[in-house]
């Protein structure tokens, strides 16, 4: 899997994806199901490792450069970044090859 970097995020945005939030189970599956039911395609990216925090205590007055990831340290593999975009074909399932009537 490819880590979500600023370049990866920009690439996804150019493809029409919108970054929503970071989650782990069981909220991850719940969010994926909800977005899918609402007619969105869902793409999950792994949470990058080793990013420094520029927003926590002791950094007041510094401009935020990236989202803080300190709380995820050591558990990055359990979290995913949720990206969504509107499904292009309303009758298509987000699972390739299935249509809404065959689920």
C-alpha atoms as a PDB file:
ATOM      1  CA  UNK A   1       0.000   0.000   0.000  1.00  0.00           C
ATOM      2  CA  UNK A   2       1.084   3.565  -0.638  1.00  0.00           C
ATOM      3  CA  UNK A   3       1.380   5.948   2.302  1.00  0.00           C
ATOM      4  CA  UNK A   4      -0.651   9.119   2.132  1.00  0.00           C
ATOM      5  CA  UNK A   5       1.875  11.875   1.523  1.00  0.00           C
ATOM      6  CA  UNK A   6       1.198  15.442   0.460  1.00  0.00           C
ATOM      7  CA  UNK A   7       1.818  14.349  -3.131  1.00  0.00           C
ATOM      8  CA  UNK A   8      -0.464  11.310  -2.753  1.00  0.00           C
ATOM      9  CA  UNK A   9      -3.178  13.510  -1.246  1.00  0.00           C
ATOM     10  CA  UNK A  10      -2.883  15.947  -4.139  1.00  0.00           C
ATOM     11  CA  UNK A  11      -3.055  13.070  -6.616  1.00  0.00           C
ATOM     12  CA  UNK A  12      -6.250  11.768  -5.011  1.00  0.00           C
ATOM     13  CA  UNK A  13      -7.794  15.263  -4.969  1.00  0.00           C
ATOM     14  CA  UNK A  14      -7.101  15.650  -8.694  1.00  0.00           C
ATOM     15  CA  UNK A  15      -9.032  12.395  -9.195  1.00  0.00           C
ATOM     16  CA  UNK A  16     -12.005  13.885  -7.325  1.00  0.00           C
ATOM     17  CA  UNK A  17     -11.430  12.295  -3.905  1.00  0.00           C
ATOM     18  CA  UNK A  18     -12.193  14.288  -0.748  1.00  0.00           C
ATOM     19  CA  UNK A  19     -10.375  13.509   2.504  1.00  0.00           C
ATOM     20  CA  UNK A  20     -12.898  12.882   5.285  1.00  0.00           C
ATOM     21  CA  UNK A  21     -11.250  11.643   8.484  1.00  0.00           C
ATOM     22  CA  UNK A  22      -9.075   9.000  10.147  1.00  0.00           C
ATOM     23  CA  UNK A  23     -10.720   5.986  11.801  1.00  0.00           C
ATOM     24  CA  UNK A  24     -10.128   2.448  13.009  1.00  0.00           C
ATOM     25  CA  UNK A  25     -12.515  -0.419  13.642  1.00  0.00           C
ATOM     26  CA  UNK A  26     -15.399  -0.588  14.304  1.00  0.00           C
ATOM     27  CA  UNK A  27     -16.009   3.053  13.215  1.00  0.00           C
ATOM     28  CA  UNK A  28     -14.029   2.498  10.014  1.00  0.00           C
ATOM     29  CA  UNK A  29     -16.416  -0.159   8.676  1.00  0.00           C
ATOM     30  CA  UNK A  30     -19.437   1.828   9.866  1.00  0.00           C
ATOM     31  CA  UNK A  31     -18.242   4.940   8.002  1.00  0.00           C
ATOM     32  CA  UNK A  32     -17.436   2.967   4.841  1.00  0.00           C
ATOM     33  CA  UNK A  33     -20.914   1.392   4.902  1.00  0.00           C
ATOM     34  CA  UNK A  34     -22.611   4.747   5.522  1.00  0.00           C
ATOM     35  CA  UNK A  35     -20.749   6.568   2.737  1.00  0.00           C
ATOM     36  CA  UNK A  36     -21.460   3.668   0.377  1.00  0.00           C
ATOM     37  CA  UNK A  37     -25.185   3.737   1.227  1.00  0.00           C
ATOM     38  CA  UNK A  38     -25.185   7.489   0.574  1.00  0.00           C
ATOM     39  CA  UNK A  39     -23.885   6.910  -2.957  1.00  0.00           C
ATOM     40  CA  UNK A  40     -20.170   7.539  -2.520  1.00  0.00           C
ATOM     41  CA  UNK A  41     -17.152   5.580  -3.632  1.00  0.00           C
ATOM     42  CA  UNK A  42     -14.787   5.019  -0.723  1.00  0.00           C
ATOM     43  CA  UNK A  43     -10.995   4.820  -0.855  1.00  0.00           C
ATOM     44  CA  UNK A  44      -8.848   3.978   2.182  1.00  0.00           C
ATOM     45  CA  UNK A  45      -5.231   5.052   2.588  1.00  0.00           C
ATOM     46  CA  UNK A  46      -2.881   3.833   5.313  1.00  0.00           C
ATOM     47  CA  UNK A  47      -1.945   6.290   8.036  1.00  0.00           C
ATOM     48  CA  UNK A  48       1.648   7.455   7.476  1.00  0.00           C
ATOM     49  CA  UNK A  49       4.235   6.654  10.144  1.00  0.00           C
ATOM     50  CA  UNK A  50       6.800   8.915  11.702  1.00  0.00           C
ATOM     51  CA  UNK A  51       5.332  12.367  11.198  1.00  0.00           C
ATOM     52  CA  UNK A  52       6.248  15.002  13.755  1.00  0.00           C
ATOM     53  CA  UNK A  53       3.531  16.937  15.512  1.00  0.00           C
ATOM     54  CA  UNK A  54       3.425  20.660  14.873  1.00  0.00           C
ATOM     55  CA  UNK A  55       0.137  21.331  16.670  1.00  0.00           C
ATOM     56  CA  UNK A  56       0.388  19.889  20.209  1.00  0.00           C
ATOM     57  CA  UNK A  57       1.257  21.548  23.529  1.00  0.00           C
ATOM     58  CA  UNK A  58       4.518  23.441  23.401  1.00  0.00           C
ATOM     59  CA  UNK A  59       4.116  24.460  19.789  1.00  0.00           C
ATOM     60  CA  UNK A  60       1.742  27.379  20.382  1.00  0.00           C
ATOM     61  CA  UNK A  61       2.318  30.226  17.990  1.00  0.00           C
ATOM     62  CA  UNK A  62       3.620  27.929  15.269  1.00  0.00           C
ATOM     63  CA  UNK A  63       1.610  27.651  12.107  1.00  0.00           C
ATOM     64  CA  UNK A  64       0.028  24.220  11.664  1.00  0.00           C
ATOM     65  CA  UNK A  65       1.773  22.432   8.806  1.00  0.00           C
ATOM     66  CA  UNK A  66       0.263  18.957   9.040  1.00  0.00           C
ATOM     67  CA  UNK A  67      -2.259  17.072  11.099  1.00  0.00           C
ATOM     68  CA  UNK A  68      -0.992  15.796  14.420  1.00  0.00           C
ATOM     69  CA  UNK A  69      -0.386  12.034  14.446  1.00  0.00           C
ATOM     70  CA  UNK A  70       1.343  11.626  17.840  1.00  0.00           C
ATOM     71  CA  UNK A  71      -1.683   9.876  19.374  1.00  0.00           C
ATOM     72  CA  UNK A  72      -1.488   7.184  16.678  1.00  0.00           C
ATOM     73  CA  UNK A  73       2.235   6.463  17.233  1.00  0.00           C
ATOM     74  CA  UNK A  74       2.830   2.718  17.321  1.00  0.00           C
ATOM     75  CA  UNK A  75      -0.729   1.995  16.147  1.00  0.00           C
ATOM     76  CA  UNK A  76      -0.637   3.499  12.649  1.00  0.00           C
ATOM     77  CA  UNK A  77      -1.391   0.136  11.057  1.00  0.00           C
ATOM     78  CA  UNK A  78      -4.793   0.048  12.791  1.00  0.00           C
ATOM     79  CA  UNK A  79      -6.027   3.321  11.263  1.00  0.00           C
ATOM     80  CA  UNK A  80      -7.035   4.351   7.741  1.00  0.00           C
ATOM     81  CA  UNK A  81      -7.666   7.725   6.118  1.00  0.00           C
ATOM     82  CA  UNK A  82     -11.109   7.772   4.520  1.00  0.00           C
ATOM     83  CA  UNK A  83     -11.480   9.457   1.120  1.00  0.00           C
ATOM     84  CA  UNK A  84     -14.804   9.689  -0.716  1.00  0.00           C
ATOM     85  CA  UNK A  85     -16.156  10.837  -4.051  1.00  0.00           C
ATOM     86  CA  UNK A  86     -19.559  10.708  -5.702  1.00  0.00           C
ATOM     87  CA  UNK A  87     -20.161   7.525  -7.632  1.00  0.00           C
ATOM     88  CA  UNK A  88     -20.205   8.248 -11.360  1.00  0.00           C
ATOM     89  CA  UNK A  89     -22.822   5.615 -12.195  1.00  0.00           C
ATOM     90  CA  UNK A  90     -25.683   5.645  -9.701  1.00  0.00           C
ATOM     91  CA  UNK A  91     -26.728   2.040 -10.514  1.00  0.00           C
ATOM     92  CA  UNK A  92     -23.215   0.623 -10.024  1.00  0.00           C
ATOM     93  CA  UNK A  93     -22.070  -0.923  -6.801  1.00  0.00           C
ATOM     94  CA  UNK A  94     -18.773   0.233  -5.273  1.00  0.00           C
ATOM     95  CA  UNK A  95     -17.807  -3.442  -5.570  1.00  0.00           C
ATOM     96  CA  UNK A  96     -16.774  -4.046  -9.170  1.00  0.00           C
ATOM     97  CA  UNK A  97     -19.144  -6.276 -11.122  1.00  0.00           C
ATOM     98  CA  UNK A  98     -22.192  -5.943  -8.862  1.00  0.00           C
ATOM     99  CA  UNK A  99     -25.254  -3.832  -9.562  1.00  0.00           C
ATOM    100  CA  UNK A 100     -27.611  -2.525  -6.889  1.00  0.00           C
ATOM    101  CA  UNK A 101     -30.248  -5.133  -7.733  1.00  0.00           C
ATOM    102  CA  UNK A 102     -27.877  -8.101  -7.366  1.00  0.00           C
ATOM    103  CA  UNK A 103     -26.687  -7.388  -3.831  1.00  0.00           C
END
